[in-house]
Amino acid sequence: MKIRPLYDRIVVKRVEDKEVMQGGLYIPDTAKEKPQEGEVVAVGKGKRLEDGKVIPLDVQVGDHILFGKYSGSDIKLDGEEYLIMREDEVLGILDAQPKVAKKAS
């Protein structure tokens, strides 16, 4: 199933860091904090102004974003969990860090 958000809404899939506990301590899923980083899966056409003009969104499909802890609404499609939120709730877009070239000796 595909979802197409309307206007200035975006669909985000949370990105989870895989951390291995060194001391063998098990933390249940209910005690873990949900990640506040995600990948944009779908975007709406843009924000509609009062005069009827539509401004395209800054966020694009594939962008990695940061969002607030209580942002958006959780939805479940085809067994996958997603978050649907307005573009206003996005705190920032994460850029891929450039790789540093090694000097040839």
N, C-alpha and C. Protein backbone atom coordinates (compact mmCIF):
# COMPACT_ATOMS: atom_id res chain seq x y z
N MET A 1 0.85 -1.18 0.00
CA MET A 1 0.00 0.00 0.00
C MET A 1 0.89 1.24 0.00
N LYS A 2 0.52 2.22 -0.80
CA LYS A 2 1.26 3.47 -0.83
C LYS A 2 0.40 4.55 -0.21
N ILE A 3 1.04 5.54 0.37
CA ILE A 3 0.32 6.67 0.96
C ILE A 3 0.86 7.95 0.34
N ARG A 4 -0.06 8.86 0.03
CA ARG A 4 0.32 10.16 -0.51
C ARG A 4 -0.23 11.22 0.44
N PRO A 5 0.65 11.86 1.21
CA PRO A 5 0.18 12.86 2.16
C PRO A 5 -0.33 14.12 1.44
N LEU A 6 -1.23 14.82 2.07
CA LEU A 6 -1.80 16.02 1.48
C LEU A 6 -1.08 17.27 1.97
N TYR A 7 -1.04 18.27 1.10
CA TYR A 7 -0.50 19.60 1.39
C TYR A 7 0.88 19.56 2.02
N ASP A 8 1.05 20.09 3.24
CA ASP A 8 2.39 20.22 3.84
C ASP A 8 2.73 19.08 4.79
N ARG A 9 2.10 17.94 4.60
CA ARG A 9 2.40 16.80 5.46
C ARG A 9 3.44 15.89 4.82
N ILE A 10 4.19 15.19 5.68
CA ILE A 10 5.21 14.24 5.20
C ILE A 10 5.05 12.94 5.96
N VAL A 11 5.48 11.84 5.34
CA VAL A 11 5.48 10.52 5.98
C VAL A 11 6.94 10.16 6.26
N VAL A 12 7.22 9.77 7.50
CA VAL A 12 8.58 9.51 7.95
C VAL A 12 8.67 8.10 8.54
N LYS A 13 9.76 7.42 8.22
CA LYS A 13 10.05 6.13 8.85
C LYS A 13 11.20 6.37 9.82
N ARG A 14 10.99 5.99 11.07
CA ARG A 14 12.04 6.19 12.09
C ARG A 14 13.29 5.40 11.75
N VAL A 15 14.45 6.02 12.02
CA VAL A 15 15.73 5.35 11.83
C VAL A 15 16.22 4.96 13.21
N GLU A 16 16.44 3.67 13.41
CA GLU A 16 16.87 3.18 14.72
C GLU A 16 18.33 2.83 14.70
N ASP A 17 19.05 3.29 15.73
CA ASP A 17 20.45 2.93 15.87
C ASP A 17 20.54 1.56 16.51
N LYS A 18 21.36 0.71 15.95
CA LYS A 18 21.56 -0.63 16.50
C LYS A 18 22.73 -0.57 17.49
N GLU A 19 22.40 -0.55 18.76
CA GLU A 19 23.43 -0.49 19.79
C GLU A 19 23.48 -1.81 20.54
N VAL A 20 24.66 -2.33 20.74
CA VAL A 20 24.85 -3.57 21.48
C VAL A 20 25.29 -3.20 22.90
N MET A 21 24.60 -3.73 23.86
CA MET A 21 24.94 -3.45 25.25
C MET A 21 26.15 -4.29 25.66
N GLN A 22 27.15 -3.63 26.22
CA GLN A 22 28.39 -4.30 26.61
C GLN A 22 28.22 -5.19 27.84
N GLY A 23 27.44 -4.74 28.81
CA GLY A 23 27.33 -5.45 30.07
C GLY A 23 26.26 -6.52 30.10
N GLY A 24 25.60 -6.77 28.99
CA GLY A 24 24.57 -7.80 28.95
C GLY A 24 23.26 -7.34 29.54
N LEU A 25 23.09 -6.03 29.74
CA LEU A 25 21.86 -5.48 30.31
C LEU A 25 20.79 -5.44 29.23
N TYR A 26 19.62 -5.98 29.52
CA TYR A 26 18.52 -6.00 28.57
C TYR A 26 17.56 -4.87 28.90
N ILE A 27 17.29 -4.02 27.90
CA ILE A 27 16.33 -2.94 28.08
C ILE A 27 15.12 -3.27 27.22
N PRO A 28 13.95 -3.45 27.83
CA PRO A 28 12.76 -3.78 27.05
C PRO A 28 12.36 -2.62 26.14
N ASP A 29 11.65 -2.95 25.04
CA ASP A 29 11.24 -1.94 24.08
C ASP A 29 10.39 -0.84 24.70
N THR A 30 9.61 -1.19 25.71
CA THR A 30 8.74 -0.19 26.35
C THR A 30 9.54 0.85 27.11
N ALA A 31 10.76 0.53 27.53
CA ALA A 31 11.58 1.48 28.29
C ALA A 31 12.50 2.30 27.40
N LYS A 32 12.64 1.91 26.14
CA LYS A 32 13.52 2.63 25.24
C LYS A 32 12.83 3.88 24.72
N GLU A 33 13.63 4.92 24.52
CA GLU A 33 13.10 6.13 23.90
C GLU A 33 13.05 5.91 22.40
N LYS A 34 11.99 6.40 21.78
CA LYS A 34 11.89 6.29 20.33
C LYS A 34 12.87 7.27 19.70
N PRO A 35 13.49 6.87 18.60
CA PRO A 35 14.44 7.77 17.95
C PRO A 35 13.75 8.99 17.39
N GLN A 36 14.46 10.09 17.38
CA GLN A 36 13.91 11.33 16.87
C GLN A 36 14.57 11.69 15.55
N GLU A 37 14.99 10.66 14.85
CA GLU A 37 15.60 10.82 13.54
C GLU A 37 14.85 9.88 12.61
N GLY A 38 14.64 10.33 11.37
CA GLY A 38 13.92 9.48 10.44
C GLY A 38 14.24 9.80 9.00
N GLU A 39 13.73 8.95 8.13
CA GLU A 39 13.90 9.13 6.69
C GLU A 39 12.54 9.45 6.08
N VAL A 40 12.51 10.48 5.24
CA VAL A 40 11.26 10.89 4.60
C VAL A 40 10.91 9.88 3.52
N VAL A 41 9.68 9.33 3.60
CA VAL A 41 9.21 8.32 2.67
C VAL A 41 8.30 8.93 1.59
N ALA A 42 7.51 9.93 1.98
CA ALA A 42 6.59 10.57 1.04
C ALA A 42 6.35 12.01 1.48
N VAL A 43 6.10 12.89 0.52
CA VAL A 43 5.82 14.30 0.83
C VAL A 43 4.58 14.75 0.07
N GLY A 44 3.89 15.74 0.64
CA GLY A 44 2.73 16.32 -0.03
C GLY A 44 3.17 17.32 -1.09
N LYS A 45 2.21 17.93 -1.76
CA LYS A 45 2.52 18.87 -2.85
C LYS A 45 3.06 20.19 -2.34
N GLY A 46 2.70 20.61 -1.14
CA GLY A 46 3.20 21.88 -0.61
C GLY A 46 2.18 22.56 0.27
N LYS A 47 2.61 23.65 0.87
CA LYS A 47 1.75 24.40 1.78
C LYS A 47 0.90 25.39 0.98
N ARG A 48 -0.40 25.38 1.23
CA ARG A 48 -1.32 26.28 0.52
C ARG A 48 -1.47 27.56 1.35
N LEU A 49 -1.20 28.70 0.69
CA LEU A 49 -1.34 29.99 1.34
C LEU A 49 -2.78 30.47 1.26
N GLU A 50 -3.08 31.56 1.97
CA GLU A 50 -4.45 32.08 1.99
C GLU A 50 -4.94 32.53 0.61
N ASP A 51 -4.00 32.98 -0.24
CA ASP A 51 -4.39 33.43 -1.58
C ASP A 51 -4.51 32.27 -2.58
N GLY A 52 -4.29 31.03 -2.12
CA GLY A 52 -4.45 29.86 -2.97
C GLY A 52 -3.18 29.33 -3.60
N LYS A 53 -2.08 30.06 -3.47
CA LYS A 53 -0.81 29.60 -4.04
C LYS A 53 -0.27 28.44 -3.21
N VAL A 54 0.42 27.51 -3.89
CA VAL A 54 1.03 26.37 -3.21
C VAL A 54 2.54 26.53 -3.25
N ILE A 55 3.15 26.54 -2.06
CA ILE A 55 4.61 26.65 -1.94
C ILE A 55 5.17 25.25 -1.75
N PRO A 56 6.11 24.80 -2.62
CA PRO A 56 6.66 23.45 -2.46
C PRO A 56 7.43 23.31 -1.15
N LEU A 57 7.53 22.08 -0.66
CA LEU A 57 8.20 21.80 0.60
C LEU A 57 9.71 21.77 0.42
N ASP A 58 10.44 22.12 1.50
CA ASP A 58 11.90 22.04 1.49
C ASP A 58 12.37 20.60 1.67
N VAL A 59 11.56 19.79 2.32
CA VAL A 59 11.91 18.40 2.59
C VAL A 59 11.56 17.55 1.38
N GLN A 60 12.47 16.65 0.99
CA GLN A 60 12.26 15.78 -0.16
C GLN A 60 12.32 14.31 0.28
N VAL A 61 11.79 13.43 -0.54
CA VAL A 61 11.85 12.00 -0.27
C VAL A 61 13.31 11.56 -0.20
N GLY A 62 13.65 10.79 0.83
CA GLY A 62 15.02 10.30 1.01
C GLY A 62 15.83 11.13 1.99
N ASP A 63 15.37 12.33 2.35
CA ASP A 63 16.07 13.16 3.32
C ASP A 63 16.03 12.53 4.71
N HIS A 64 17.12 12.66 5.45
CA HIS A 64 17.15 12.25 6.86
C HIS A 64 16.90 13.50 7.68
N ILE A 65 15.90 13.42 8.58
CA ILE A 65 15.48 14.59 9.32
C ILE A 65 15.53 14.35 10.81
N LEU A 66 15.51 15.45 11.56
CA LEU A 66 15.34 15.42 13.01
C LEU A 66 13.99 16.03 13.34
N PHE A 67 13.31 15.44 14.32
CA PHE A 67 12.01 15.97 14.71
C PHE A 67 11.86 15.85 16.22
N GLY A 68 10.89 16.56 16.77
CA GLY A 68 10.66 16.57 18.21
C GLY A 68 10.13 15.25 18.72
N LYS A 69 10.30 15.04 20.01
CA LYS A 69 9.91 13.77 20.65
C LYS A 69 8.43 13.45 20.48
N TYR A 70 7.58 14.46 20.53
CA TYR A 70 6.13 14.23 20.47
C TYR A 70 5.53 14.71 19.14
N SER A 71 6.33 14.80 18.10
CA SER A 71 5.86 15.27 16.80
C SER A 71 5.07 14.20 16.06
N GLY A 72 4.11 14.64 15.28
CA GLY A 72 3.40 13.76 14.37
C GLY A 72 2.48 12.76 15.01
N SER A 73 1.92 11.92 14.16
CA SER A 73 1.00 10.86 14.58
C SER A 73 1.52 9.53 14.05
N ASP A 74 1.50 8.51 14.90
CA ASP A 74 1.96 7.18 14.49
C ASP A 74 0.89 6.51 13.64
N ILE A 75 1.33 5.89 12.53
CA ILE A 75 0.43 5.11 11.69
C ILE A 75 1.12 3.80 11.36
N LYS A 76 0.33 2.79 11.00
CA LYS A 76 0.88 1.48 10.66
C LYS A 76 0.31 1.07 9.31
N LEU A 77 1.21 0.80 8.34
CA LEU A 77 0.80 0.37 7.00
C LEU A 77 1.56 -0.89 6.64
N ASP A 78 0.85 -1.93 6.27
CA ASP A 78 1.46 -3.20 5.86
C ASP A 78 2.47 -3.71 6.87
N GLY A 79 2.19 -3.57 8.16
CA GLY A 79 3.07 -4.06 9.21
C GLY A 79 4.24 -3.15 9.53
N GLU A 80 4.42 -2.06 8.81
CA GLU A 80 5.51 -1.11 9.05
C GLU A 80 4.95 0.10 9.81
N GLU A 81 5.74 0.62 10.74
CA GLU A 81 5.33 1.79 11.49
C GLU A 81 5.91 3.05 10.87
N TYR A 82 5.05 4.05 10.68
CA TYR A 82 5.45 5.32 10.11
C TYR A 82 4.93 6.45 11.00
N LEU A 83 5.39 7.63 10.68
CA LEU A 83 4.97 8.83 11.39
C LEU A 83 4.51 9.82 10.34
N ILE A 84 3.36 10.44 10.53
CA ILE A 84 2.90 11.45 9.59
C ILE A 84 2.87 12.78 10.35
N MET A 85 3.50 13.80 9.77
CA MET A 85 3.63 15.09 10.45
C MET A 85 3.64 16.21 9.44
N ARG A 86 3.48 17.43 9.94
CA ARG A 86 3.57 18.61 9.10
C ARG A 86 5.03 19.00 8.94
N GLU A 87 5.35 19.69 7.86
CA GLU A 87 6.72 20.12 7.63
C GLU A 87 7.19 21.06 8.76
N ASP A 88 6.27 21.80 9.36
CA ASP A 88 6.61 22.72 10.46
C ASP A 88 7.24 22.00 11.64
N GLU A 89 6.93 20.71 11.82
CA GLU A 89 7.44 19.95 12.96
C GLU A 89 8.86 19.43 12.76
N VAL A 90 9.39 19.57 11.54
CA VAL A 90 10.76 19.13 11.25
C VAL A 90 11.73 20.15 11.82
N LEU A 91 12.68 19.68 12.64
CA LEU A 91 13.65 20.57 13.26
C LEU A 91 14.83 20.85 12.33
N GLY A 92 15.20 19.88 11.50
CA GLY A 92 16.32 20.07 10.59
C GLY A 92 16.51 18.87 9.68
N ILE A 93 17.26 19.11 8.61
CA ILE A 93 17.59 18.06 7.65
C ILE A 93 19.05 17.70 7.85
N LEU A 94 19.35 16.41 8.01
CA LEU A 94 20.72 15.95 8.21
C LEU A 94 21.38 15.75 6.85
N ASP A 95 22.53 16.38 6.66
CA ASP A 95 23.29 16.21 5.43
C ASP A 95 24.27 15.07 5.62
N ALA A 96 24.55 14.36 4.53
CA ALA A 96 25.57 13.31 4.59
C ALA A 96 26.92 13.98 4.81
N GLN A 97 27.72 13.44 5.72
CA GLN A 97 29.02 14.02 6.00
C GLN A 97 29.98 13.68 4.87
N PRO A 98 30.71 14.69 4.37
CA PRO A 98 31.65 14.42 3.29
C PRO A 98 32.79 13.53 3.77
N LYS A 99 33.23 12.65 2.90
CA LYS A 99 34.34 11.77 3.23
C LYS A 99 35.65 12.51 2.99
N VAL A 100 36.56 12.39 3.93
CA VAL A 100 37.84 13.07 3.82
C VAL A 100 38.78 12.17 3.02
N ALA A 101 39.36 12.74 1.99
CA ALA A 101 40.30 11.97 1.15
C ALA A 101 41.64 11.87 1.86
N LYS A 102 42.24 10.69 1.78
CA LYS A 102 43.56 10.48 2.40
C LYS A 102 44.65 10.98 1.46
N LYS A 103 45.70 11.53 2.05
CA LYS A 103 46.82 12.04 1.25
C LYS A 103 47.62 10.85 0.75
N ALA A 104 48.03 10.95 -0.50
CA ALA A 104 48.88 9.91 -1.09
C ALA A 104 50.32 10.14 -0.65
N SER A 105 51.00 9.10 -0.21
CA SER A 105 52.38 9.26 0.27
C SER A 105 53.36 8.91 -0.81
